[in-house]
N, C-alpha and C. Protein backbone atom coordinates (compact mmCIF):
# COMPACT_ATOMS: atom_id res chain seq x y z
N UNK A 1 15.40 16.67 0.77
CA UNK A 1 14.91 17.37 1.93
C UNK A 1 15.11 16.49 3.16
N UNK A 2 15.77 17.04 4.16
CA UNK A 2 16.03 16.33 5.40
C UNK A 2 14.86 16.52 6.36
N UNK A 3 14.25 15.43 6.77
CA UNK A 3 13.17 15.49 7.74
C UNK A 3 13.67 14.99 9.08
N UNK A 4 13.34 15.70 10.13
CA UNK A 4 13.70 15.22 11.46
C UNK A 4 12.73 14.12 11.86
N UNK A 5 13.16 13.28 12.78
CA UNK A 5 12.28 12.23 13.27
C UNK A 5 11.02 12.85 13.87
N UNK A 6 11.18 13.96 14.57
CA UNK A 6 10.04 14.62 15.21
C UNK A 6 9.00 15.04 14.17
N UNK A 7 9.43 15.71 13.13
CA UNK A 7 8.50 16.16 12.09
C UNK A 7 7.83 14.99 11.41
N UNK A 8 8.61 14.00 11.05
CA UNK A 8 8.08 12.81 10.39
C UNK A 8 7.12 12.05 11.31
N UNK A 9 7.44 11.99 12.58
CA UNK A 9 6.60 11.30 13.54
C UNK A 9 5.25 12.01 13.71
N UNK A 10 5.28 13.32 13.78
CA UNK A 10 4.02 14.09 13.91
C UNK A 10 3.18 13.91 12.65
N UNK A 11 3.80 14.03 11.48
CA UNK A 11 3.07 13.85 10.23
C UNK A 11 2.47 12.45 10.14
N UNK A 12 3.26 11.45 10.50
CA UNK A 12 2.80 10.06 10.45
C UNK A 12 1.64 9.84 11.41
N UNK A 13 1.72 10.41 12.60
CA UNK A 13 0.61 10.24 13.55
C UNK A 13 -0.66 10.88 13.00
N UNK A 14 -0.56 12.03 12.36
CA UNK A 14 -1.75 12.67 11.79
C UNK A 14 -2.34 11.82 10.66
N UNK A 15 -1.48 11.28 9.80
CA UNK A 15 -1.95 10.41 8.71
C UNK A 15 -2.63 9.17 9.29
N UNK A 16 -2.02 8.58 10.31
CA UNK A 16 -2.60 7.39 10.93
C UNK A 16 -3.95 7.69 11.58
N UNK A 17 -4.06 8.81 12.28
CA UNK A 17 -5.34 9.17 12.90
C UNK A 17 -6.41 9.42 11.84
N UNK A 18 -6.04 10.07 10.75
CA UNK A 18 -6.98 10.31 9.66
C UNK A 18 -7.44 8.98 9.05
N UNK A 19 -6.49 8.09 8.79
CA UNK A 19 -6.84 6.78 8.24
C UNK A 19 -7.71 5.98 9.21
N UNK A 20 -7.43 6.10 10.50
CA UNK A 20 -8.25 5.39 11.49
C UNK A 20 -9.70 5.87 11.42
N UNK A 21 -9.88 7.17 11.30
CA UNK A 21 -11.25 7.71 11.20
C UNK A 21 -11.95 7.26 9.93
N UNK A 22 -11.25 7.38 8.81
CA UNK A 22 -11.88 7.02 7.53
C UNK A 22 -12.15 5.53 7.45
N UNK A 23 -11.16 4.69 7.79
CA UNK A 23 -11.39 3.25 7.74
C UNK A 23 -12.43 2.82 8.77
N UNK A 24 -12.50 3.53 9.88
CA UNK A 24 -13.46 3.16 10.92
C UNK A 24 -14.90 3.54 10.59
N UNK A 25 -15.10 4.69 9.96
CA UNK A 25 -16.46 5.20 9.74
C UNK A 25 -16.89 5.20 8.27
N UNK A 26 -15.95 5.24 7.34
CA UNK A 26 -16.29 5.31 5.92
C UNK A 26 -15.47 4.34 5.08
N UNK A 27 -15.38 3.08 5.48
CA UNK A 27 -14.54 2.16 4.71
C UNK A 27 -15.01 1.98 3.27
N UNK A 28 -16.30 2.13 3.05
CA UNK A 28 -16.84 1.98 1.70
C UNK A 28 -16.26 3.02 0.73
N UNK A 29 -15.95 4.21 1.25
CA UNK A 29 -15.39 5.28 0.41
C UNK A 29 -13.99 4.89 -0.07
N UNK A 30 -13.14 4.46 0.84
CA UNK A 30 -11.78 4.08 0.44
C UNK A 30 -11.80 2.85 -0.45
N UNK A 31 -12.65 1.90 -0.13
CA UNK A 31 -12.74 0.71 -0.98
C UNK A 31 -13.21 1.06 -2.38
N UNK A 32 -14.13 2.01 -2.48
CA UNK A 32 -14.61 2.45 -3.80
C UNK A 32 -13.48 3.12 -4.59
N UNK A 33 -12.65 3.90 -3.91
CA UNK A 33 -11.51 4.54 -4.58
C UNK A 33 -10.58 3.47 -5.15
N UNK A 34 -10.47 2.36 -4.43
CA UNK A 34 -9.62 1.25 -4.87
C UNK A 34 -10.34 0.30 -5.81
N UNK A 35 -11.59 0.60 -6.15
CA UNK A 35 -12.43 -0.25 -7.01
C UNK A 35 -12.65 -1.64 -6.40
N UNK A 36 -12.85 -1.66 -5.09
CA UNK A 36 -13.13 -2.90 -4.37
C UNK A 36 -14.51 -2.76 -3.75
N UNK A 37 -15.34 -3.75 -3.94
CA UNK A 37 -16.70 -3.71 -3.42
C UNK A 37 -16.75 -3.82 -1.90
N UNK A 38 -17.66 -3.08 -1.30
CA UNK A 38 -17.86 -3.15 0.15
C UNK A 38 -18.75 -4.34 0.48
N UNK A 39 -18.40 -5.06 1.50
CA UNK A 39 -19.23 -6.15 2.00
C UNK A 39 -19.12 -6.17 3.51
N UNK A 40 -19.91 -7.00 4.13
CA UNK A 40 -19.84 -7.12 5.59
C UNK A 40 -18.43 -7.55 6.02
N UNK A 41 -17.84 -8.47 5.25
CA UNK A 41 -16.50 -8.96 5.57
C UNK A 41 -15.43 -7.89 5.41
N UNK A 42 -15.48 -7.14 4.31
CA UNK A 42 -14.48 -6.08 4.13
C UNK A 42 -14.66 -4.99 5.18
N UNK A 43 -15.91 -4.76 5.60
CA UNK A 43 -16.16 -3.76 6.65
C UNK A 43 -15.53 -4.17 7.97
N UNK A 44 -15.64 -5.45 8.31
CA UNK A 44 -15.04 -5.95 9.55
C UNK A 44 -13.53 -5.76 9.52
N UNK A 45 -12.91 -6.17 8.41
CA UNK A 45 -11.45 -6.04 8.29
C UNK A 45 -11.04 -4.57 8.31
N UNK A 46 -11.80 -3.71 7.63
CA UNK A 46 -11.48 -2.28 7.59
C UNK A 46 -11.54 -1.66 8.98
N UNK A 47 -12.58 -1.97 9.74
CA UNK A 47 -12.71 -1.39 11.09
C UNK A 47 -11.61 -1.89 12.02
N UNK A 48 -11.22 -3.15 11.86
CA UNK A 48 -10.11 -3.67 12.68
C UNK A 48 -8.80 -2.98 12.28
N UNK A 49 -8.62 -2.74 10.99
CA UNK A 49 -7.44 -2.01 10.54
C UNK A 49 -7.43 -0.58 11.06
N UNK A 50 -8.63 0.00 11.21
CA UNK A 50 -8.73 1.36 11.75
C UNK A 50 -8.14 1.44 13.15
N UNK A 51 -8.40 0.43 13.95
CA UNK A 51 -7.86 0.42 15.31
C UNK A 51 -6.33 0.30 15.28
N UNK A 52 -5.80 -0.47 14.34
CA UNK A 52 -4.34 -0.56 14.21
C UNK A 52 -3.74 0.78 13.80
N UNK A 53 -4.41 1.49 12.90
CA UNK A 53 -3.93 2.82 12.53
C UNK A 53 -3.98 3.77 13.73
N UNK A 54 -5.03 3.69 14.52
CA UNK A 54 -5.11 4.53 15.72
C UNK A 54 -3.96 4.22 16.68
N UNK A 55 -3.65 2.93 16.84
CA UNK A 55 -2.54 2.53 17.72
C UNK A 55 -1.21 3.08 17.21
N UNK A 56 -0.98 2.98 15.90
CA UNK A 56 0.25 3.54 15.32
C UNK A 56 0.31 5.05 15.53
N UNK A 57 -0.82 5.71 15.36
CA UNK A 57 -0.87 7.16 15.56
C UNK A 57 -0.48 7.54 16.98
N UNK A 58 -1.00 6.80 17.95
CA UNK A 58 -0.66 7.07 19.36
C UNK A 58 0.83 6.85 19.59
N UNK A 59 1.37 5.75 19.07
CA UNK A 59 2.79 5.46 19.28
C UNK A 59 3.68 6.54 18.69
N UNK A 60 3.41 6.94 17.45
CA UNK A 60 4.26 7.96 16.83
C UNK A 60 4.09 9.32 17.49
N UNK A 61 2.88 9.63 17.95
CA UNK A 61 2.67 10.92 18.62
C UNK A 61 3.48 10.97 19.93
N UNK A 62 3.42 9.92 20.72
CA UNK A 62 4.11 9.92 22.01
C UNK A 62 5.61 9.75 21.88
N UNK A 63 6.07 9.21 20.76
CA UNK A 63 7.50 9.00 20.56
C UNK A 63 8.17 10.18 19.85
N UNK A 64 7.39 11.18 19.47
CA UNK A 64 7.89 12.26 18.61
C UNK A 64 9.08 13.01 19.21
N UNK A 65 9.16 13.15 20.52
CA UNK A 65 10.24 13.92 21.15
C UNK A 65 11.34 13.04 21.74
N UNK A 66 11.27 11.76 21.49
CA UNK A 66 12.26 10.87 22.12
C UNK A 66 13.61 10.97 21.42
N UNK A 67 14.67 10.87 22.19
CA UNK A 67 16.01 10.89 21.58
C UNK A 67 16.27 9.56 20.89
N UNK A 68 17.32 9.49 20.09
CA UNK A 68 17.66 8.20 19.45
C UNK A 68 17.80 7.11 20.51
N UNK A 69 17.17 5.98 20.25
CA UNK A 69 17.21 4.87 21.20
C UNK A 69 16.86 3.57 20.47
N UNK A 70 17.02 2.47 21.17
CA UNK A 70 16.66 1.17 20.62
C UNK A 70 15.16 1.12 20.34
N UNK A 71 14.37 1.68 21.24
CA UNK A 71 12.92 1.70 21.07
C UNK A 71 12.52 2.48 19.83
N UNK A 72 13.07 3.65 19.68
CA UNK A 72 12.77 4.48 18.51
C UNK A 72 13.19 3.79 17.22
N UNK A 73 14.37 3.16 17.22
CA UNK A 73 14.83 2.42 16.05
C UNK A 73 13.92 1.23 15.75
N UNK A 74 13.47 0.55 16.78
CA UNK A 74 12.59 -0.60 16.58
C UNK A 74 11.27 -0.17 15.93
N UNK A 75 10.70 0.92 16.44
CA UNK A 75 9.45 1.41 15.86
C UNK A 75 9.67 1.87 14.42
N UNK A 76 10.74 2.59 14.19
CA UNK A 76 11.04 3.06 12.84
C UNK A 76 11.27 1.90 11.88
N UNK A 77 12.07 0.93 12.28
CA UNK A 77 12.35 -0.22 11.41
C UNK A 77 11.09 -1.02 11.12
N UNK A 78 10.27 -1.22 12.12
CA UNK A 78 9.01 -1.93 11.91
C UNK A 78 8.11 -1.18 10.96
N UNK A 79 8.06 0.13 11.09
CA UNK A 79 7.21 0.93 10.22
C UNK A 79 7.75 0.94 8.79
N UNK A 80 9.07 0.97 8.65
CA UNK A 80 9.68 0.90 7.32
C UNK A 80 9.28 -0.41 6.63
N UNK A 81 9.41 -1.52 7.35
CA UNK A 81 9.03 -2.82 6.78
C UNK A 81 7.54 -2.83 6.42
N UNK A 82 6.71 -2.30 7.31
CA UNK A 82 5.28 -2.24 7.05
C UNK A 82 4.93 -1.39 5.84
N UNK A 83 5.54 -0.23 5.74
CA UNK A 83 5.25 0.67 4.61
C UNK A 83 5.68 0.06 3.29
N UNK A 84 6.90 -0.45 3.23
CA UNK A 84 7.37 -1.05 1.98
C UNK A 84 6.58 -2.32 1.64
N UNK A 85 6.22 -3.09 2.66
CA UNK A 85 5.42 -4.29 2.43
C UNK A 85 4.04 -3.95 1.90
N UNK A 86 3.39 -2.96 2.50
CA UNK A 86 2.07 -2.54 2.01
C UNK A 86 2.15 -1.96 0.61
N UNK A 87 3.20 -1.19 0.33
CA UNK A 87 3.36 -0.63 -1.01
C UNK A 87 3.53 -1.75 -2.04
N UNK A 88 4.34 -2.75 -1.73
CA UNK A 88 4.55 -3.87 -2.65
C UNK A 88 3.25 -4.65 -2.84
N UNK A 89 2.53 -4.92 -1.76
CA UNK A 89 1.27 -5.64 -1.87
C UNK A 89 0.25 -4.86 -2.69
N UNK A 90 0.14 -3.58 -2.42
CA UNK A 90 -0.80 -2.74 -3.15
C UNK A 90 -0.49 -2.70 -4.63
N UNK A 91 0.77 -2.56 -4.96
CA UNK A 91 1.17 -2.54 -6.36
C UNK A 91 0.87 -3.88 -7.03
N UNK A 92 1.16 -4.96 -6.30
CA UNK A 92 0.87 -6.29 -6.82
C UNK A 92 -0.61 -6.53 -7.04
N UNK A 93 -1.43 -6.06 -6.10
CA UNK A 93 -2.89 -6.21 -6.25
C UNK A 93 -3.39 -5.43 -7.46
N UNK A 94 -2.81 -4.26 -7.68
CA UNK A 94 -3.19 -3.46 -8.86
C UNK A 94 -2.77 -4.18 -10.14
N UNK A 95 -1.52 -4.69 -10.17
CA UNK A 95 -1.04 -5.40 -11.36
C UNK A 95 -1.89 -6.64 -11.67
N UNK A 96 -2.35 -7.32 -10.62
CA UNK A 96 -3.15 -8.53 -10.80
C UNK A 96 -4.62 -8.25 -11.04
N UNK A 97 -5.00 -6.97 -11.05
CA UNK A 97 -6.38 -6.61 -11.32
C UNK A 97 -7.33 -6.77 -10.14
N UNK A 98 -6.79 -6.94 -8.94
CA UNK A 98 -7.63 -7.09 -7.75
C UNK A 98 -8.03 -5.75 -7.15
N UNK A 99 -7.38 -4.69 -7.57
CA UNK A 99 -7.68 -3.33 -7.09
C UNK A 99 -7.52 -2.38 -8.27
N UNK A 100 -8.26 -1.29 -8.22
CA UNK A 100 -8.18 -0.29 -9.27
C UNK A 100 -7.01 0.64 -9.09
N UNK A 101 -6.85 1.58 -10.02
CA UNK A 101 -5.71 2.49 -9.97
C UNK A 101 -5.71 3.42 -8.75
N UNK A 102 -6.83 3.56 -8.08
CA UNK A 102 -6.87 4.39 -6.88
C UNK A 102 -5.95 3.89 -5.78
N UNK A 103 -5.65 2.60 -5.79
CA UNK A 103 -4.75 2.06 -4.76
C UNK A 103 -3.33 2.60 -4.92
N UNK A 104 -3.01 3.09 -6.12
CA UNK A 104 -1.66 3.61 -6.35
C UNK A 104 -1.37 4.85 -5.50
N UNK A 105 -2.42 5.59 -5.11
CA UNK A 105 -2.22 6.71 -4.18
C UNK A 105 -1.73 6.18 -2.84
N UNK A 106 -2.34 5.12 -2.35
CA UNK A 106 -1.89 4.51 -1.10
C UNK A 106 -0.46 4.00 -1.24
N UNK A 107 -0.16 3.37 -2.36
CA UNK A 107 1.19 2.85 -2.62
C UNK A 107 2.20 4.00 -2.57
N UNK A 108 1.87 5.11 -3.19
CA UNK A 108 2.76 6.26 -3.20
C UNK A 108 3.00 6.79 -1.78
N UNK A 109 1.94 6.93 -0.99
CA UNK A 109 2.08 7.43 0.38
C UNK A 109 2.90 6.45 1.21
N UNK A 110 2.62 5.16 1.09
CA UNK A 110 3.36 4.15 1.86
C UNK A 110 4.84 4.17 1.49
N UNK A 111 5.13 4.24 0.21
CA UNK A 111 6.52 4.27 -0.23
C UNK A 111 7.23 5.53 0.27
N UNK A 112 6.54 6.67 0.19
CA UNK A 112 7.13 7.94 0.65
C UNK A 112 7.39 7.92 2.16
N UNK A 113 6.44 7.41 2.93
CA UNK A 113 6.65 7.32 4.38
C UNK A 113 7.81 6.37 4.71
N UNK A 114 7.87 5.25 4.02
CA UNK A 114 8.98 4.32 4.24
C UNK A 114 10.32 4.98 3.96
N UNK A 115 10.41 5.66 2.83
CA UNK A 115 11.65 6.38 2.50
C UNK A 115 11.96 7.47 3.51
N UNK A 116 10.92 8.16 3.96
CA UNK A 116 11.11 9.22 4.96
C UNK A 116 11.74 8.68 6.23
N UNK A 117 11.26 7.51 6.68
CA UNK A 117 11.83 6.94 7.90
C UNK A 117 13.22 6.37 7.67
N UNK A 118 13.49 5.86 6.48
CA UNK A 118 14.86 5.42 6.16
C UNK A 118 15.80 6.61 6.24
N UNK A 119 15.39 7.73 5.64
CA UNK A 119 16.22 8.95 5.65
C UNK A 119 16.39 9.48 7.07
N UNK A 120 15.32 9.54 7.84
CA UNK A 120 15.40 10.07 9.21
C UNK A 120 16.28 9.17 10.08
N UNK A 121 16.19 7.88 9.87
CA UNK A 121 17.01 6.95 10.65
C UNK A 121 18.48 7.10 10.28
N UNK A 122 18.77 7.27 8.99
CA UNK A 122 20.15 7.44 8.53
C UNK A 122 20.75 8.73 9.10
N UNK A 123 19.97 9.81 9.09
CA UNK A 123 20.44 11.08 9.63
C UNK A 123 20.72 10.94 11.12
N UNK A 124 19.84 10.23 11.83
CA UNK A 124 20.03 10.01 13.27
C UNK A 124 21.30 9.23 13.54
N UNK A 125 21.56 8.18 12.77
CA UNK A 125 22.78 7.38 12.94
C UNK A 125 24.01 8.23 12.69
N UNK A 126 23.97 9.07 11.66
CA UNK A 126 25.11 9.96 11.36
C UNK A 126 25.34 10.95 12.48
N UNK A 127 24.26 11.48 13.08
CA UNK A 127 24.39 12.44 14.18
C UNK A 127 24.99 11.77 15.40
N UNK A 128 24.55 10.56 15.71
CA UNK A 128 25.06 9.83 16.86
C UNK A 128 26.54 9.52 16.66
N UNK A 129 26.93 9.12 15.45
CA UNK A 129 28.33 8.81 15.17
C UNK A 129 29.21 10.06 15.26
N UNK A 130 28.68 11.23 14.87
CA UNK A 130 29.43 12.47 14.95
C UNK A 130 29.67 12.88 16.39
N UNK A 131 28.67 12.67 17.24
CA UNK A 131 28.78 13.03 18.66
C UNK A 131 29.73 12.11 19.38
N UNK A 132 29.78 10.84 19.00
CA UNK A 132 30.60 9.84 19.70
C UNK A 132 32.06 10.03 19.49
């Protein structure tokens, strides 16, 4: 399935805004899904992560209609690295017994988003080469 950058960007911004809300107001719920205990320290880290998710949501929302550019590629490439990195870390934490099987849902979403942006970036490069 071919996803346009616009569609993927809108979906990603919605996921990021949702994660910002949940990590910001209900971090104990997500940590419980991952079989990780809530503490004052994990709450601080979760709320700070919520702000980062909100920032990503804003960036992807405002970039959704932008044409192919260096800026769009930079954001996409950075997000690809972040998604694949988080997926690898999450899988590793599960394998090492530091997180429960609930983290595999996050790993799946991160991997899917990373692949989605790889595909959207490849399609964009092919379109630019065809026009040139």
